[in-house]
Amino acid sequence: MSPKILLNSWWWVSSVLNNDVKQFGKKFLLDGNEETCWNSDQAPNGSGQWVVLDFKEAILPKELHLMFQGGFVGKTCKLEAAYDEQQTDTFSSIMEFYPNDDNSRQISFC
């Protein structure tokens, strides 16, 4: 993905572990450093953790690259998108995927 697109984007996360943004904050989600990571708190009532990326311009994803810390992988993950600029809180499902529980970089094709 073009660095320009990432620079012009916003992102939000469901939570940060113990509110420790200096060690586990969202800035580590897309920093490209395998030694850092975003860590979330456990979601209440099993609602799950989430990440929202707002690219400010239409993109067509072809691949999704993820890396989980071993033992902390999402069991059922979904890629969703908002297609209407007026309704950015309404998401449509693109795909579900089931990542491996290890530290490897994983690629899912959209």
PDB file of N, CA and C in Angstrom:
ATOM      1  N   MET A   1       0.852  -1.178   0.000  1.00  0.00           N
ATOM      2  CA  MET A   1       0.000   0.000   0.000  1.00  0.00           C
ATOM      3  C   MET A   1       0.892   1.233   0.000  1.00  0.00           C
ATOM      4  N   SER A   2       0.472   2.221  -0.699  1.00  0.00           N
ATOM      5  CA  SER A   2       1.233   3.448  -0.800  1.00  0.00           C
ATOM      6  C   SER A   2       1.340   4.136   0.553  1.00  0.00           C
ATOM      7  N   PRO A   3       2.550   4.567   0.945  1.00  0.00           N
ATOM      8  CA  PRO A   3       2.684   5.329   2.199  1.00  0.00           C
ATOM      9  C   PRO A   3       1.819   6.582   2.199  1.00  0.00           C
ATOM     10  N   LYS A   4       1.594   7.173   1.014  1.00  0.00           N
ATOM     11  CA  LYS A   4       0.742   8.353   0.924  1.00  0.00           C
ATOM     12  C   LYS A   4      -0.669   8.042   1.407  1.00  0.00           C
ATOM     13  N   ILE A   5      -1.186   6.891   1.029  1.00  0.00           N
ATOM     14  CA  ILE A   5      -2.532   6.517   1.465  1.00  0.00           C
ATOM     15  C   ILE A   5      -2.573   6.367   2.975  1.00  0.00           C
ATOM     16  N   LEU A   6      -1.560   5.738   3.560  1.00  0.00           N
ATOM     17  CA  LEU A   6      -1.536   5.585   5.016  1.00  0.00           C
ATOM     18  C   LEU A   6      -1.389   6.926   5.721  1.00  0.00           C
ATOM     19  N   LEU A   7      -0.589   7.832   5.154  1.00  0.00           N
ATOM     20  CA  LEU A   7      -0.412   9.140   5.773  1.00  0.00           C
ATOM     21  C   LEU A   7      -1.704   9.938   5.785  1.00  0.00           C
ATOM     22  N   ASN A   8      -2.537   9.727   4.794  1.00  0.00           N
ATOM     23  CA  ASN A   8      -3.802  10.451   4.706  1.00  0.00           C
ATOM     24  C   ASN A   8      -4.952   9.693   5.346  1.00  0.00           C
ATOM     25  N   SER A   9      -4.665   8.671   6.116  1.00  0.00           N
ATOM     26  CA  SER A   9      -5.724   7.870   6.725  1.00  0.00           C
ATOM     27  C   SER A   9      -5.787   8.108   8.233  1.00  0.00           C
ATOM     28  N   TRP A  10      -6.899   7.679   8.795  1.00  0.00           N
ATOM     29  CA  TRP A  10      -7.101   7.694  10.243  1.00  0.00           C
ATOM     30  C   TRP A  10      -7.356   6.264  10.661  1.00  0.00           C
ATOM     31  N   TRP A  11      -7.001   5.919  11.884  1.00  0.00           N
ATOM     32  CA  TRP A  11      -7.357   4.605  12.375  1.00  0.00           C
ATOM     33  C   TRP A  11      -7.702   4.659  13.843  1.00  0.00           C
ATOM     34  N   TRP A  12      -8.613   3.749  14.207  1.00  0.00           N
ATOM     35  CA  TRP A  12      -9.104   3.632  15.574  1.00  0.00           C
ATOM     36  C   TRP A  12      -9.002   2.175  15.987  1.00  0.00           C
ATOM     37  N   VAL A  13      -8.888   1.943  17.289  1.00  0.00           N
ATOM     38  CA  VAL A  13      -8.857   0.584  17.818  1.00  0.00           C
ATOM     39  C   VAL A  13      -9.869   0.477  18.949  1.00  0.00           C
ATOM     40  N   SER A  14     -10.296  -0.746  19.233  1.00  0.00           N
ATOM     41  CA  SER A  14     -11.320  -0.966  20.252  1.00  0.00           C
ATOM     42  C   SER A  14     -10.836  -0.609  21.650  1.00  0.00           C
ATOM     43  N   SER A  15      -9.553  -0.869  21.934  1.00  0.00           N
ATOM     44  CA  SER A  15      -9.010  -0.592  23.265  1.00  0.00           C
ATOM     45  C   SER A  15      -7.490  -0.727  23.213  1.00  0.00           C
ATOM     46  N   VAL A  16      -6.844  -0.322  24.292  1.00  0.00           N
ATOM     47  CA  VAL A  16      -5.399  -0.499  24.448  1.00  0.00           C
ATOM     48  C   VAL A  16      -5.174  -1.148  25.809  1.00  0.00           C
ATOM     49  N   LEU A  17      -4.340  -2.186  25.834  1.00  0.00           N
ATOM     50  CA  LEU A  17      -4.092  -2.946  27.054  1.00  0.00           C
ATOM     51  C   LEU A  17      -3.711  -2.029  28.207  1.00  0.00           C
ATOM     52  N   ASN A  18      -4.484  -2.084  29.269  1.00  0.00           N
ATOM     53  CA  ASN A  18      -4.270  -1.283  30.485  1.00  0.00           C
ATOM     54  C   ASN A  18      -4.138   0.213  30.199  1.00  0.00           C
ATOM     55  N   ASN A  19      -4.697   0.671  29.100  1.00  0.00           N
ATOM     56  CA  ASN A  19      -4.592   2.067  28.658  1.00  0.00           C
ATOM     57  C   ASN A  19      -3.145   2.543  28.531  1.00  0.00           C
ATOM     58  N   ASP A  20      -2.220   1.615  28.309  1.00  0.00           N
ATOM     59  CA  ASP A  20      -0.795   1.918  28.194  1.00  0.00           C
ATOM     60  C   ASP A  20      -0.446   2.228  26.734  1.00  0.00           C
ATOM     61  N   VAL A  21      -0.797   3.432  26.286  1.00  0.00           N
ATOM     62  CA  VAL A  21      -0.594   3.789  24.882  1.00  0.00           C
ATOM     63  C   VAL A  21       0.884   3.935  24.523  1.00  0.00           C
ATOM     64  N   LYS A  22       1.741   4.201  25.506  1.00  0.00           N
ATOM     65  CA  LYS A  22       3.179   4.329  25.215  1.00  0.00           C
ATOM     66  C   LYS A  22       3.794   2.994  24.827  1.00  0.00           C
ATOM     67  N   GLN A  23       3.294   1.909  25.397  1.00  0.00           N
ATOM     68  CA  GLN A  23       3.854   0.587  25.107  1.00  0.00           C
ATOM     69  C   GLN A  23       3.013  -0.213  24.120  1.00  0.00           C
ATOM     70  N   PHE A  24       1.683  -0.049  24.136  1.00  0.00           N
ATOM     71  CA  PHE A  24       0.798  -0.899  23.342  1.00  0.00           C
ATOM     72  C   PHE A  24      -0.177  -0.129  22.453  1.00  0.00           C
ATOM     73  N   GLY A  25       0.017   1.161  22.274  1.00  0.00           N
ATOM     74  CA  GLY A  25      -0.942   2.001  21.558  1.00  0.00           C
ATOM     75  C   GLY A  25      -1.091   1.684  20.083  1.00  0.00           C
ATOM     76  N   LYS A  26      -2.108   2.285  19.484  1.00  0.00           N
ATOM     77  CA  LYS A  26      -2.432   2.025  18.082  1.00  0.00           C
ATOM     78  C   LYS A  26      -1.315   2.442  17.137  1.00  0.00           C
ATOM     79  N   LYS A  27      -0.427   3.333  17.573  1.00  0.00           N
ATOM     80  CA  LYS A  27       0.672   3.760  16.687  1.00  0.00           C
ATOM     81  C   LYS A  27       1.562   2.586  16.298  1.00  0.00           C
ATOM     82  N   PHE A  28       1.540   1.513  17.100  1.00  0.00           N
ATOM     83  CA  PHE A  28       2.356   0.328  16.811  1.00  0.00           C
ATOM     84  C   PHE A  28       1.669  -0.641  15.848  1.00  0.00           C
ATOM     85  N   LEU A  29       0.419  -0.378  15.534  1.00  0.00           N
ATOM     86  CA  LEU A  29      -0.344  -1.251  14.641  1.00  0.00           C
ATOM     87  C   LEU A  29       0.225  -1.253  13.230  1.00  0.00           C
ATOM     88  N   LEU A  30       0.632  -0.089  12.745  1.00  0.00           N
ATOM     89  CA  LEU A  30       1.079   0.051  11.359  1.00  0.00           C
ATOM     90  C   LEU A  30       2.498   0.598  11.251  1.00  0.00           C
ATOM     91  N   ASP A  31       3.318   0.404  12.284  1.00  0.00           N
ATOM     92  CA  ASP A  31       4.663   0.997  12.261  1.00  0.00           C
ATOM     93  C   ASP A  31       5.688   0.165  11.488  1.00  0.00           C
ATOM     94  N   GLY A  32       5.323  -1.058  11.058  1.00  0.00           N
ATOM     95  CA  GLY A  32       6.228  -1.887  10.275  1.00  0.00           C
ATOM     96  C   GLY A  32       7.323  -2.555  11.077  1.00  0.00           C
ATOM     97  N   ASN A  33       7.326  -2.397  12.391  1.00  0.00           N
ATOM     98  CA  ASN A  33       8.349  -2.969  13.261  1.00  0.00           C
ATOM     99  C   ASN A  33       7.811  -4.247  13.901  1.00  0.00           C
ATOM    100  N   GLU A  34       8.445  -5.382  13.622  1.00  0.00           N
ATOM    101  CA  GLU A  34       7.987  -6.656  14.174  1.00  0.00           C
ATOM    102  C   GLU A  34       8.234  -6.775  15.676  1.00  0.00           C
ATOM    103  N   GLU A  35       8.987  -5.855  16.253  1.00  0.00           N
ATOM    104  CA  GLU A  35       9.265  -5.874  17.692  1.00  0.00           C
ATOM    105  C   GLU A  35       8.195  -5.141  18.499  1.00  0.00           C
ATOM    106  N   THR A  36       7.307  -4.421  17.835  1.00  0.00           N
ATOM    107  CA  THR A  36       6.247  -3.694  18.538  1.00  0.00           C
ATOM    108  C   THR A  36       4.893  -4.232  18.093  1.00  0.00           C
ATOM    109  N   CYS A  37       3.867  -3.938  18.875  1.00  0.00           N
ATOM    110  CA  CYS A  37       2.517  -4.350  18.489  1.00  0.00           C
ATOM    111  C   CYS A  37       1.480  -3.546  19.250  1.00  0.00           C
ATOM    112  N   TRP A  38       0.297  -3.464  18.651  1.00  0.00           N
ATOM    113  CA  TRP A  38      -0.867  -2.948  19.373  1.00  0.00           C
ATOM    114  C   TRP A  38      -1.402  -4.099  20.196  1.00  0.00           C
ATOM    115  N   ASN A  39      -1.731  -3.846  21.444  1.00  0.00           N
ATOM    116  CA  ASN A  39      -2.358  -4.836  22.311  1.00  0.00           C
ATOM    117  C   ASN A  39      -3.658  -4.263  22.835  1.00  0.00           C
ATOM    118  N   SER A  40      -4.702  -5.062  22.810  1.00  0.00           N
ATOM    119  CA  SER A  40      -6.003  -4.608  23.276  1.00  0.00           C
ATOM    120  C   SER A  40      -6.345  -5.251  24.611  1.00  0.00           C
ATOM    121  N   ASP A  41      -7.276  -4.615  25.318  1.00  0.00           N
ATOM    122  CA  ASP A  41      -7.853  -5.230  26.510  1.00  0.00           C
ATOM    123  C   ASP A  41      -8.826  -6.309  26.061  1.00  0.00           C
ATOM    124  N   GLN A  42      -9.149  -7.215  26.970  1.00  0.00           N
ATOM    125  CA  GLN A  42     -10.189  -8.201  26.675  1.00  0.00           C
ATOM    126  C   GLN A  42     -11.501  -7.475  26.459  1.00  0.00           C
ATOM    127  N   ALA A  43     -12.201  -7.855  25.437  1.00  0.00           N
ATOM    128  CA  ALA A  43     -13.478  -7.211  25.131  1.00  0.00           C
ATOM    129  C   ALA A  43     -14.550  -7.701  26.095  1.00  0.00           C
ATOM    130  N   PRO A  44     -15.367  -6.788  26.611  1.00  0.00           N
ATOM    131  CA  PRO A  44     -16.446  -7.201  27.506  1.00  0.00           C
ATOM    132  C   PRO A  44     -17.506  -8.012  26.769  1.00  0.00           C
ATOM    133  N   ASN A  45     -18.050  -8.986  27.436  1.00  0.00           N
ATOM    134  CA  ASN A  45     -19.153  -9.792  26.896  1.00  0.00           C
ATOM    135  C   ASN A  45     -18.815 -10.468  25.569  1.00  0.00           C
ATOM    136  N   GLY A  46     -17.546 -10.731  25.327  1.00  0.00           N
ATOM    137  CA  GLY A  46     -17.157 -11.418  24.103  1.00  0.00           C
ATOM    138  C   GLY A  46     -17.398 -10.634  22.832  1.00  0.00           C
ATOM    139  N   SER A  47     -17.465  -9.303  22.946  1.00  0.00           N
ATOM    140  CA  SER A  47     -17.779  -8.479  21.775  1.00  0.00           C
ATOM    141  C   SER A  47     -16.629  -8.380  20.783  1.00  0.00           C
ATOM    142  N   GLY A  48     -15.432  -8.765  21.164  1.00  0.00           N
ATOM    143  CA  GLY A  48     -14.297  -8.788  20.249  1.00  0.00           C
ATOM    144  C   GLY A  48     -13.558  -7.469  20.160  1.00  0.00           C
ATOM    145  N   GLN A  49     -12.359  -7.551  19.664  1.00  0.00           N
ATOM    146  CA  GLN A  49     -11.554  -6.371  19.422  1.00  0.00           C
ATOM    147  C   GLN A  49     -11.687  -5.983  17.958  1.00  0.00           C
ATOM    148  N   TRP A  50     -11.417  -4.708  17.660  1.00  0.00           N
ATOM    149  CA  TRP A  50     -11.558  -4.265  16.282  1.00  0.00           C
ATOM    150  C   TRP A  50     -10.576  -3.154  15.973  1.00  0.00           C
ATOM    151  N   VAL A  51     -10.359  -2.992  14.675  1.00  0.00           N
ATOM    152  CA  VAL A  51      -9.536  -1.919  14.127  1.00  0.00           C
ATOM    153  C   VAL A  51     -10.333  -1.302  12.988  1.00  0.00           C
ATOM    154  N   VAL A  52     -10.403   0.017  12.931  1.00  0.00           N
ATOM    155  CA  VAL A  52     -11.058   0.715  11.831  1.00  0.00           C
ATOM    156  C   VAL A  52     -10.010   1.573  11.139  1.00  0.00           C
ATOM    157  N   LEU A  53      -9.906   1.418   9.828  1.00  0.00           N
ATOM    158  CA  LEU A  53      -9.023   2.236   8.998  1.00  0.00           C
ATOM    159  C   LEU A  53      -9.893   3.080   8.080  1.00  0.00           C
ATOM    160  N   ASP A  54      -9.677   4.375   8.084  1.00  0.00           N
ATOM    161  CA  ASP A  54     -10.414   5.289   7.207  1.00  0.00           C
ATOM    162  C   ASP A  54      -9.399   5.885   6.241  1.00  0.00           C
ATOM    163  N   PHE A  55      -9.469   5.481   4.979  1.00  0.00           N
ATOM    164  CA  PHE A  55      -8.455   5.861   4.002  1.00  0.00           C
ATOM    165  C   PHE A  55      -8.703   7.205   3.327  1.00  0.00           C
ATOM    166  N   LYS A  56      -9.844   7.824   3.549  1.00  0.00           N
ATOM    167  CA  LYS A  56     -10.169   9.141   2.991  1.00  0.00           C
ATOM    168  C   LYS A  56     -10.307   9.156   1.473  1.00  0.00           C
ATOM    169  N   GLU A  57     -10.021   8.050   0.830  1.00  0.00           N
ATOM    170  CA  GLU A  57     -10.252   7.904  -0.591  1.00  0.00           C
ATOM    171  C   GLU A  57     -10.534   6.433  -0.848  1.00  0.00           C
ATOM    172  N   ALA A  58     -11.239   6.151  -1.912  1.00  0.00           N
ATOM    173  CA  ALA A  58     -11.595   4.764  -2.220  1.00  0.00           C
ATOM    174  C   ALA A  58     -10.343   3.952  -2.535  1.00  0.00           C
ATOM    175  N   ILE A  59     -10.258   2.763  -1.963  1.00  0.00           N
ATOM    176  CA  ILE A  59      -9.175   1.838  -2.270  1.00  0.00           C
ATOM    177  C   ILE A  59      -9.794   0.496  -2.624  1.00  0.00           C
ATOM    178  N   LEU A  60      -9.030  -0.328  -3.303  1.00  0.00           N
ATOM    179  CA  LEU A  60      -9.463  -1.679  -3.641  1.00  0.00           C
ATOM    180  C   LEU A  60      -8.441  -2.636  -3.030  1.00  0.00           C
ATOM    181  N   PRO A  61      -8.742  -3.193  -1.843  1.00  0.00           N
ATOM    182  CA  PRO A  61      -7.772  -4.097  -1.212  1.00  0.00           C
ATOM    183  C   PRO A  61      -7.635  -5.397  -1.999  1.00  0.00           C
ATOM    184  N   LYS A  62      -6.408  -5.857  -2.131  1.00  0.00           N
ATOM    185  CA  LYS A  62      -6.135  -7.123  -2.812  1.00  0.00           C
ATOM    186  C   LYS A  62      -5.612  -8.154  -1.836  1.00  0.00           C
ATOM    187  N   GLU A  63      -4.879  -7.691  -0.828  1.00  0.00           N
ATOM    188  CA  GLU A  63      -4.311  -8.576   0.191  1.00  0.00           C
ATOM    189  C   GLU A  63      -4.431  -7.907   1.546  1.00  0.00           C
ATOM    190  N   LEU A  64      -4.518  -8.738   2.560  1.00  0.00           N
ATOM    191  CA  LEU A  64      -4.503  -8.276   3.938  1.00  0.00           C
ATOM    192  C   LEU A  64      -3.362  -8.999   4.635  1.00  0.00           C
ATOM    193  N   HIS A  65      -2.381  -8.258   5.141  1.00  0.00           N
ATOM    194  CA  HIS A  65      -1.235  -8.841   5.840  1.00  0.00           C
ATOM    195  C   HIS A  65      -1.422  -8.617   7.333  1.00  0.00           C
ATOM    196  N   LEU A  66      -1.333  -9.699   8.098  1.00  0.00           N
ATOM    197  CA  LEU A  66      -1.495  -9.628   9.547  1.00  0.00           C
ATOM    198  C   LEU A  66      -0.413 -10.446  10.232  1.00  0.00           C
ATOM    199  N   MET A  67      -0.092 -10.035  11.447  1.00  0.00           N
ATOM    200  CA  MET A  67       0.791 -10.841  12.286  1.00  0.00           C
ATOM    201  C   MET A  67       0.244 -10.765  13.710  1.00  0.00           C
ATOM    202  N   PHE A  68       0.028 -11.924  14.295  1.00  0.00           N
ATOM    203  CA  PHE A  68      -0.452 -12.004  15.676  1.00  0.00           C
ATOM    204  C   PHE A  68       0.667 -12.514  16.562  1.00  0.00           C
ATOM    205  N   GLN A  69       0.636 -12.096  17.818  1.00  0.00           N
ATOM    206  CA  GLN A  69       1.520 -12.678  18.815  1.00  0.00           C
ATOM    207  C   GLN A  69       1.026 -14.094  19.066  1.00  0.00           C
ATOM    208  N   GLY A  70       1.905 -15.071  19.098  1.00  0.00           N
ATOM    209  CA  GLY A  70       1.493 -16.442  19.370  1.00  0.00           C
ATOM    210  C   GLY A  70       0.693 -16.525  20.667  1.00  0.00           C
ATOM    211  N   GLY A  71      -0.440 -17.215  20.626  1.00  0.00           N
ATOM    212  CA  GLY A  71      -1.298 -17.355  21.799  1.00  0.00           C
ATOM    213  C   GLY A  71      -2.375 -16.291  21.896  1.00  0.00           C
ATOM    214  N   PHE A  72      -2.314 -15.280  21.052  1.00  0.00           N
ATOM    215  CA  PHE A  72      -3.276 -14.175  21.126  1.00  0.00           C
ATOM    216  C   PHE A  72      -3.954 -13.912  19.784  1.00  0.00           C
ATOM    217  N   VAL A  73      -4.162 -14.948  19.024  1.00  0.00           N
ATOM    218  CA  VAL A  73      -4.723 -14.792  17.688  1.00  0.00           C
ATOM    219  C   VAL A  73      -6.246 -14.656  17.735  1.00  0.00           C
ATOM    220  N   GLY A  74      -6.779 -13.928  16.780  1.00  0.00           N
ATOM    221  CA  GLY A  74      -8.226 -13.863  16.641  1.00  0.00           C
ATOM    222  C   GLY A  74      -8.735 -15.200  16.134  1.00  0.00           C
ATOM    223  N   LYS A  75      -9.780 -15.717  16.721  1.00  0.00           N
ATOM    224  CA  LYS A  75     -10.309 -17.023  16.305  1.00  0.00           C
ATOM    225  C   LYS A  75     -11.121 -16.916  15.021  1.00  0.00           C
ATOM    226  N   THR A  76     -11.984 -15.942  14.956  1.00  0.00           N
ATOM    227  CA  THR A  76     -12.754 -15.671  13.742  1.00  0.00           C
ATOM    228  C   THR A  76     -12.574 -14.200  13.444  1.00  0.00           C
ATOM    229  N   CYS A  77     -11.993 -13.892  12.319  1.00  0.00           N
ATOM    230  CA  CYS A  77     -11.736 -12.502  11.949  1.00  0.00           C
ATOM    231  C   CYS A  77     -12.558 -12.154  10.721  1.00  0.00           C
ATOM    232  N   LYS A  78     -12.939 -10.884  10.608  1.00  0.00           N
ATOM    233  CA  LYS A  78     -13.730 -10.420   9.479  1.00  0.00           C
ATOM    234  C   LYS A  78     -13.106  -9.157   8.914  1.00  0.00           C
ATOM    235  N   LEU A  79     -13.117  -9.064   7.620  1.00  0.00           N
ATOM    236  CA  LEU A  79     -12.765  -7.829   6.935  1.00  0.00           C
ATOM    237  C   LEU A  79     -14.069  -7.238   6.441  1.00  0.00           C
ATOM    238  N   GLU A  80     -14.347  -6.009   6.858  1.00  0.00           N
ATOM    239  CA  GLU A  80     -15.577  -5.333   6.467  1.00  0.00           C
ATOM    240  C   GLU A  80     -15.228  -3.977   5.878  1.00  0.00           C
ATOM    241  N   ALA A  81     -16.129  -3.414   5.124  1.00  0.00           N
ATOM    242  CA  ALA A  81     -15.896  -2.112   4.508  1.00  0.00           C
ATOM    243  C   ALA A  81     -17.171  -1.291   4.530  1.00  0.00           C
ATOM    244  N   ALA A  82     -16.977   0.019   4.624  1.00  0.00           N
ATOM    245  CA  ALA A  82     -18.076   0.973   4.457  1.00  0.00           C
ATOM    246  C   ALA A  82     -17.907   1.572   3.071  1.00  0.00           C
ATOM    247  N   TYR A  83     -18.917   1.426   2.251  1.00  0.00           N
ATOM    248  CA  TYR A  83     -18.827   1.867   0.860  1.00  0.00           C
ATOM    249  C   TYR A  83     -19.410   3.254   0.642  1.00  0.00           C
ATOM    250  N   ASP A  84     -20.213   3.725   1.565  1.00  0.00           N
ATOM    251  CA  ASP A  84     -20.931   4.979   1.398  1.00  0.00           C
ATOM    252  C   ASP A  84     -20.319   6.029   2.315  1.00  0.00           C
ATOM    253  N   GLU A  85     -19.808   7.101   1.755  1.00  0.00           N
ATOM    254  CA  GLU A  85     -19.181   8.156   2.560  1.00  0.00           C
ATOM    255  C   GLU A  85     -20.156   8.771   3.556  1.00  0.00           C
ATOM    256  N   GLN A  86     -21.430   8.714   3.270  1.00  0.00           N
ATOM    257  CA  GLN A  86     -22.432   9.288   4.158  1.00  0.00           C
ATOM    258  C   GLN A  86     -22.750   8.367   5.333  1.00  0.00           C
ATOM    259  N   GLN A  87     -22.480   7.070   5.195  1.00  0.00           N
ATOM    260  CA  GLN A  87     -22.822   6.115   6.246  1.00  0.00           C
ATOM    261  C   GLN A  87     -21.583   5.307   6.627  1.00  0.00           C
ATOM    262  N   THR A  88     -20.618   5.967   7.241  1.00  0.00           N
ATOM    263  CA  THR A  88     -19.360   5.308   7.567  1.00  0.00           C
ATOM    264  C   THR A  88     -19.461   4.396   8.783  1.00  0.00           C
ATOM    265  N   ASP A  89     -20.620   4.354   9.426  1.00  0.00           N
ATOM    266  CA  ASP A  89     -20.781   3.426  10.553  1.00  0.00           C
ATOM    267  C   ASP A  89     -21.528   2.162  10.141  1.00  0.00           C
ATOM    268  N   THR A  90     -21.829   2.016   8.864  1.00  0.00           N
ATOM    269  CA  THR A  90     -22.501   0.834   8.344  1.00  0.00           C
ATOM    270  C   THR A  90     -21.509   0.052   7.500  1.00  0.00           C
ATOM    271  N   PHE A  91     -21.191  -1.159   7.936  1.00  0.00           N
ATOM    272  CA  PHE A  91     -20.174  -1.962   7.271  1.00  0.00           C
ATOM    273  C   PHE A  91     -20.790  -3.164   6.581  1.00  0.00           C
ATOM    274  N   SER A  92     -20.196  -3.541   5.455  1.00  0.00           N
ATOM    275  CA  SER A  92     -20.580  -4.748   4.732  1.00  0.00           C
ATOM    276  C   SER A  92     -19.426  -5.729   4.803  1.00  0.00           C
ATOM    277  N   SER A  93     -19.743  -6.991   4.931  1.00  0.00           N
ATOM    278  CA  SER A  93     -18.721  -8.025   5.034  1.00  0.00           C
ATOM    279  C   SER A  93     -18.052  -8.256   3.686  1.00  0.00           C
ATOM    280  N   ILE A  94     -16.728  -8.311   3.691  1.00  0.00           N
ATOM    281  CA  ILE A  94     -15.963  -8.671   2.501  1.00  0.00           C
ATOM    282  C   ILE A  94     -15.540 -10.129   2.599  1.00  0.00           C
ATOM    283  N   MET A  95     -15.033 -10.518   3.767  1.00  0.00           N
ATOM    284  CA  MET A  95     -14.591 -11.905   3.936  1.00  0.00           C
ATOM    285  C   MET A  95     -14.371 -12.211   5.408  1.00  0.00           C
ATOM    286  N   GLU A  96     -14.436 -13.486   5.748  1.00  0.00           N
ATOM    287  CA  GLU A  96     -14.014 -13.986   7.052  1.00  0.00           C
ATOM    288  C   GLU A  96     -12.731 -14.759   6.837  1.00  0.00           C
ATOM    289  N   PHE A  97     -11.863 -14.756   7.829  1.00  0.00           N
ATOM    290  CA  PHE A  97     -10.627 -15.526   7.736  1.00  0.00           C
ATOM    291  C   PHE A  97     -10.252 -16.043   9.111  1.00  0.00           C
ATOM    292  N   TYR A  98      -9.419 -17.069   9.129  1.00  0.00           N
ATOM    293  CA  TYR A  98      -9.082 -17.790  10.354  1.00  0.00           C
ATOM    294  C   TYR A  98      -7.560 -17.895  10.444  1.00  0.00           C
ATOM    295  N   PRO A  99      -6.924 -16.911  11.097  1.00  0.00           N
ATOM    296  CA  PRO A  99      -5.460 -16.882  11.125  1.00  0.00           C
ATOM    297  C   PRO A  99      -4.852 -18.004  11.963  1.00  0.00           C
ATOM    298  N   ASN A 100      -3.606 -18.330  11.639  1.00  0.00           N
ATOM    299  CA  ASN A 100      -2.848 -19.301  12.421  1.00  0.00           C
ATOM    300  C   ASN A 100      -2.406 -18.679  13.733  1.00  0.00           C
ATOM    301  N   ASP A 101      -2.305 -19.507  14.762  1.00  0.00           N
ATOM    302  CA  ASP A 101      -1.903 -19.036  16.088  1.00  0.00           C
ATOM    303  C   ASP A 101      -0.380 -19.109  16.210  1.00  0.00           C
ATOM    304  N   ASP A 102       0.306 -18.224  15.501  1.00  0.00           N
ATOM    305  CA  ASP A 102       1.763 -18.164  15.581  1.00  0.00           C
ATOM    306  C   ASP A 102       2.225 -16.746  15.242  1.00  0.00           C
ATOM    307  N   ASN A 103       3.512 -16.550  15.241  1.00  0.00           N
ATOM    308  CA  ASN A 103       4.071 -15.215  15.020  1.00  0.00           C
ATOM    309  C   ASN A 103       4.389 -14.932  13.560  1.00  0.00           C
ATOM    310  N   SER A 104       3.896 -15.720  12.622  1.00  0.00           N
ATOM    311  CA  SER A 104       4.255 -15.528  11.222  1.00  0.00           C
ATOM    312  C   SER A 104       3.399 -14.437  10.576  1.00  0.00           C
ATOM    313  N   ARG A 105       3.963 -13.797   9.560  1.00  0.00           N
ATOM    314  CA  ARG A 105       3.192 -12.853   8.752  1.00  0.00           C
ATOM    315  C   ARG A 105       2.233 -13.672   7.896  1.00  0.00           C
ATOM    316  N   GLN A 106       0.974 -13.336   7.967  1.00  0.00           N
ATOM    317  CA  GLN A 106      -0.052 -14.083   7.264  1.00  0.00           C
ATOM    318  C   GLN A 106      -0.725 -13.187   6.234  1.00  0.00           C
ATOM    319  N   ILE A 107      -1.029 -13.769   5.090  1.00  0.00           N
ATOM    320  CA  ILE A 107      -1.628 -13.017   3.997  1.00  0.00           C
ATOM    321  C   ILE A 107      -2.971 -13.657   3.663  1.00  0.00           C
ATOM    322  N   SER A 108      -3.993 -12.847   3.626  1.00  0.00           N
ATOM    323  CA  SER A 108      -5.296 -13.289   3.139  1.00  0.00           C
ATOM    324  C   SER A 108      -5.600 -12.486   1.887  1.00  0.00           C
ATOM    325  N   PHE A 109      -6.189 -13.137   0.906  1.00  0.00           N
ATOM    326  CA  PHE A 109      -6.507 -12.477  -0.346  1.00  0.00           C
ATOM    327  C   PHE A 109      -7.972 -12.070  -0.343  1.00  0.00           C
ATOM    328  N   CYS A 110      -8.237 -10.840  -0.710  1.00  0.00           N
ATOM    329  CA  CYS A 110      -9.600 -10.302  -0.696  1.00  0.00           C
ATOM    330  C   CYS A 110     -10.314 -10.610  -1.983  1.00  0.00           C
TER     331      CYS A 110
END
